[in-house]
Amino acid sequence: MKKFYYLKTCNTCMRILKELNLPDDVVLQDIKESPITVKQLEEIHSLSGSYEALFSKRAKLYKEMDLKNQNLEAADYKQYILEHYTFLSRPVLIYNNQIFIGNSKKTVAAAKLAIHE
């Protein structure tokens, strides 16, 4: 599977998308226009091994809902990601059964390497 989950309204996602220069066979999914499905999230989870790794603690709603002071379980992270796109740490690239989550320089460099080897 080759998929890129992102937000086209996010400047960071768009910069990374441009920087990665993805091959044509990578499917792009704007998670605001086409929300992530349960099946998709479970596939991503099987590669990441953790819903928490997919969860963005930088999201405004995370602070507004005071989630950092709650004891969240895996099922909670999953539910929040499915309820609102902002909770998915972005972007997420799945490329040849490897997963790259987030926008750190290290993650982007690793994704670039995987794509262009």
C-alpha atoms as a PDB file:
ATOM      1  CA  MET A   1       0.000   0.000   0.000  1.00  0.00           C
ATOM      2  CA  LYS A   2       1.183   3.491  -0.848  1.00  0.00           C
ATOM      3  CA  LYS A   3      -0.834   6.247   0.770  1.00  0.00           C
ATOM      4  CA  PHE A   4      -0.290   9.791   2.014  1.00  0.00           C
ATOM      5  CA  TYR A   5      -2.727  11.145   4.618  1.00  0.00           C
ATOM      6  CA  TYR A   6      -2.534  14.921   4.928  1.00  0.00           C
ATOM      7  CA  LEU A   7      -4.424  18.206   5.134  1.00  0.00           C
ATOM      8  CA  LYS A   8      -4.247  20.419   2.082  1.00  0.00           C
ATOM      9  CA  THR A   9      -4.927  23.435   4.320  1.00  0.00           C
ATOM     10  CA  CYS A  10      -1.789  22.643   6.357  1.00  0.00           C
ATOM     11  CA  ASN A  11       1.297  24.462   5.087  1.00  0.00           C
ATOM     12  CA  THR A  12       3.616  21.924   6.707  1.00  0.00           C
ATOM     13  CA  CYS A  13       1.836  18.988   5.027  1.00  0.00           C
ATOM     14  CA  MET A  14       1.981  20.743   1.662  1.00  0.00           C
ATOM     15  CA  ARG A  15       5.693  21.569   2.072  1.00  0.00           C
ATOM     16  CA  ILE A  16       6.468  17.937   2.939  1.00  0.00           C
ATOM     17  CA  LEU A  17       4.333  16.660   0.057  1.00  0.00           C
ATOM     18  CA  LYS A  18       6.328  18.839  -2.334  1.00  0.00           C
ATOM     19  CA  GLU A  19       9.631  17.872  -0.708  1.00  0.00           C
ATOM     20  CA  LEU A  20       8.930  14.122  -0.903  1.00  0.00           C
ATOM     21  CA  ASN A  21       8.151  14.256  -4.628  1.00  0.00           C
ATOM     22  CA  LEU A  22       5.927  11.193  -4.326  1.00  0.00           C
ATOM     23  CA  PRO A  23       5.605   8.733  -7.216  1.00  0.00           C
ATOM     24  CA  ASP A  24       2.303   8.720  -9.131  1.00  0.00           C
ATOM     25  CA  ASP A  25       1.207   5.427  -7.555  1.00  0.00           C
ATOM     26  CA  VAL A  26       0.905   6.987  -4.082  1.00  0.00           C
ATOM     27  CA  VAL A  27      -2.735   7.735  -3.235  1.00  0.00           C
ATOM     28  CA  LEU A  28      -3.269  11.131  -1.588  1.00  0.00           C
ATOM     29  CA  GLN A  29      -6.058  11.525   0.951  1.00  0.00           C
ATOM     30  CA  ASP A  30      -6.986  14.902   2.392  1.00  0.00           C
ATOM     31  CA  ILE A  31      -8.368  13.813   5.767  1.00  0.00           C
ATOM     32  CA  LYS A  32     -10.625  16.858   6.042  1.00  0.00           C
ATOM     33  CA  GLU A  33     -12.375  16.188   2.713  1.00  0.00           C
ATOM     34  CA  SER A  34     -12.272  12.395   3.028  1.00  0.00           C
ATOM     35  CA  PRO A  35     -12.212  11.490   6.715  1.00  0.00           C
ATOM     36  CA  ILE A  36     -10.188   8.490   7.738  1.00  0.00           C
ATOM     37  CA  THR A  37     -12.284   5.330   8.073  1.00  0.00           C
ATOM     38  CA  VAL A  38     -12.171   2.744  10.839  1.00  0.00           C
ATOM     39  CA  LYS A  39     -10.618   0.258   8.404  1.00  0.00           C
ATOM     40  CA  GLN A  40      -7.940   2.732   7.305  1.00  0.00           C
ATOM     41  CA  LEU A  41      -7.108   3.658  10.890  1.00  0.00           C
ATOM     42  CA  GLU A  42      -6.813  -0.004  11.839  1.00  0.00           C
ATOM     43  CA  GLU A  43      -4.457  -0.596   8.878  1.00  0.00           C
ATOM     44  CA  ILE A  44      -2.322   2.367   9.934  1.00  0.00           C
ATOM     45  CA  HIS A  45      -2.386   1.130  13.527  1.00  0.00           C
ATOM     46  CA  SER A  46      -1.157  -2.317  12.440  1.00  0.00           C
ATOM     47  CA  LEU A  47       1.942  -0.634  10.992  1.00  0.00           C
ATOM     48  CA  SER A  48       2.515   1.889  13.779  1.00  0.00           C
ATOM     49  CA  GLY A  49       1.711  -0.484  16.643  1.00  0.00           C
ATOM     50  CA  SER A  50       0.045   2.253  18.683  1.00  0.00           C
ATOM     51  CA  TYR A  51      -2.901   4.622  18.430  1.00  0.00           C
ATOM     52  CA  GLU A  52      -1.016   7.023  20.681  1.00  0.00           C
ATOM     53  CA  ALA A  53       1.800   7.244  18.096  1.00  0.00           C
ATOM     54  CA  LEU A  54      -0.825   8.378  15.565  1.00  0.00           C
ATOM     55  CA  PHE A  55      -2.391  10.906  17.933  1.00  0.00           C
ATOM     56  CA  SER A  56      -1.457  14.585  17.773  1.00  0.00           C
ATOM     57  CA  LYS A  57      -1.013  16.151  21.172  1.00  0.00           C
ATOM     58  CA  ARG A  58      -0.397  19.473  19.411  1.00  0.00           C
ATOM     59  CA  ALA A  59      -4.004  19.759  18.248  1.00  0.00           C
ATOM     60  CA  LYS A  60      -5.936  22.781  19.541  1.00  0.00           C
ATOM     61  CA  LEU A  61      -8.793  20.500  20.574  1.00  0.00           C
ATOM     62  CA  TYR A  62      -6.373  18.477  22.725  1.00  0.00           C
ATOM     63  CA  LYS A  63      -5.765  21.580  24.825  1.00  0.00           C
ATOM     64  CA  GLU A  64      -9.357  22.845  24.648  1.00  0.00           C
ATOM     65  CA  MET A  65     -10.755  19.507  25.826  1.00  0.00           C
ATOM     66  CA  ASP A  66      -8.066  19.291  28.539  1.00  0.00           C
ATOM     67  CA  LEU A  67      -7.152  15.787  27.375  1.00  0.00           C
ATOM     68  CA  LYS A  68      -3.640  15.950  28.783  1.00  0.00           C
ATOM     69  CA  ASN A  69      -5.121  15.750  32.263  1.00  0.00           C
ATOM     70  CA  GLN A  70      -7.118  12.643  31.406  1.00  0.00           C
ATOM     71  CA  ASN A  71      -5.880   9.077  31.465  1.00  0.00           C
ATOM     72  CA  LEU A  72      -6.384   8.105  27.826  1.00  0.00           C
ATOM     73  CA  GLU A  73      -6.386   4.470  26.707  1.00  0.00           C
ATOM     74  CA  ALA A  74      -5.758   3.106  23.199  1.00  0.00           C
ATOM     75  CA  ALA A  75      -9.519   3.018  22.531  1.00  0.00           C
ATOM     76  CA  ASP A  76      -9.765   6.720  23.465  1.00  0.00           C
ATOM     77  CA  TYR A  77      -6.995   7.713  21.058  1.00  0.00           C
ATOM     78  CA  LYS A  78      -8.687   5.706  18.307  1.00  0.00           C
ATOM     79  CA  GLN A  79     -12.081   7.278  18.994  1.00  0.00           C
ATOM     80  CA  TYR A  80     -10.721  10.845  19.014  1.00  0.00           C
ATOM     81  CA  ILE A  81      -8.834  10.306  15.738  1.00  0.00           C
ATOM     82  CA  LEU A  82     -12.002   8.979  14.108  1.00  0.00           C
ATOM     83  CA  GLU A  83     -14.136  11.805  15.532  1.00  0.00           C
ATOM     84  CA  HIS A  84     -11.986  14.689  14.333  1.00  0.00           C
ATOM     85  CA  TYR A  85      -9.236  14.835  11.718  1.00  0.00           C
ATOM     86  CA  THR A  86      -7.179  17.260  13.791  1.00  0.00           C
ATOM     87  CA  PHE A  87      -6.220  14.447  16.181  1.00  0.00           C
ATOM     88  CA  LEU A  88      -4.291  12.499  13.528  1.00  0.00           C
ATOM     89  CA  SER A  89      -0.617  13.378  13.655  1.00  0.00           C
ATOM     90  CA  ARG A  90       0.155  14.540  10.140  1.00  0.00           C
ATOM     91  CA  PRO A  91       1.231  13.762   7.615  1.00  0.00           C
ATOM     92  CA  VAL A  92       1.174   9.977   7.575  1.00  0.00           C
ATOM     93  CA  LEU A  93       2.902   8.197   4.717  1.00  0.00           C
ATOM     94  CA  ILE A  94       2.566   4.490   4.147  1.00  0.00           C
ATOM     95  CA  TYR A  95       5.051   3.284   1.598  1.00  0.00           C
ATOM     96  CA  ASN A  96       5.807  -0.376   0.911  1.00  0.00           C
ATOM     97  CA  ASN A  97       4.653  -1.473   4.382  1.00  0.00           C
ATOM     98  CA  GLN A  98       6.703   1.201   6.123  1.00  0.00           C
ATOM     99  CA  ILE A  99       4.998   4.011   8.014  1.00  0.00           C
ATOM    100  CA  PHE A 100       6.212   7.552   8.516  1.00  0.00           C
ATOM    101  CA  ILE A 101       4.233   9.637  11.005  1.00  0.00           C
ATOM    102  CA  GLY A 102       4.556  13.357  11.559  1.00  0.00           C
ATOM    103  CA  ASN A 103       6.714  16.141  10.284  1.00  0.00           C
ATOM    104  CA  SER A 104      10.035  15.903  12.094  1.00  0.00           C
ATOM    105  CA  LYS A 105      13.107  16.356   9.895  1.00  0.00           C
ATOM    106  CA  LYS A 106      14.239  12.846  10.800  1.00  0.00           C
ATOM    107  CA  THR A 107      10.884  11.323   9.729  1.00  0.00           C
ATOM    108  CA  VAL A 108      10.804  13.275   6.456  1.00  0.00           C
ATOM    109  CA  ALA A 109      14.404  12.287   5.665  1.00  0.00           C
ATOM    110  CA  ALA A 110      13.642   8.611   6.340  1.00  0.00           C
ATOM    111  CA  ALA A 111      10.538   8.795   4.111  1.00  0.00           C
ATOM    112  CA  LYS A 112      12.549  10.418   1.326  1.00  0.00           C
ATOM    113  CA  LEU A 113      15.133   7.679   1.562  1.00  0.00           C
ATOM    114  CA  ALA A 114      12.492   4.923   1.432  1.00  0.00           C
ATOM    115  CA  ILE A 115      10.796   6.461  -1.597  1.00  0.00           C
ATOM    116  CA  HIS A 116      13.889   7.168  -3.649  1.00  0.00           C
ATOM    117  CA  GLU A 117      16.051   4.102  -2.976  1.00  0.00           C
END
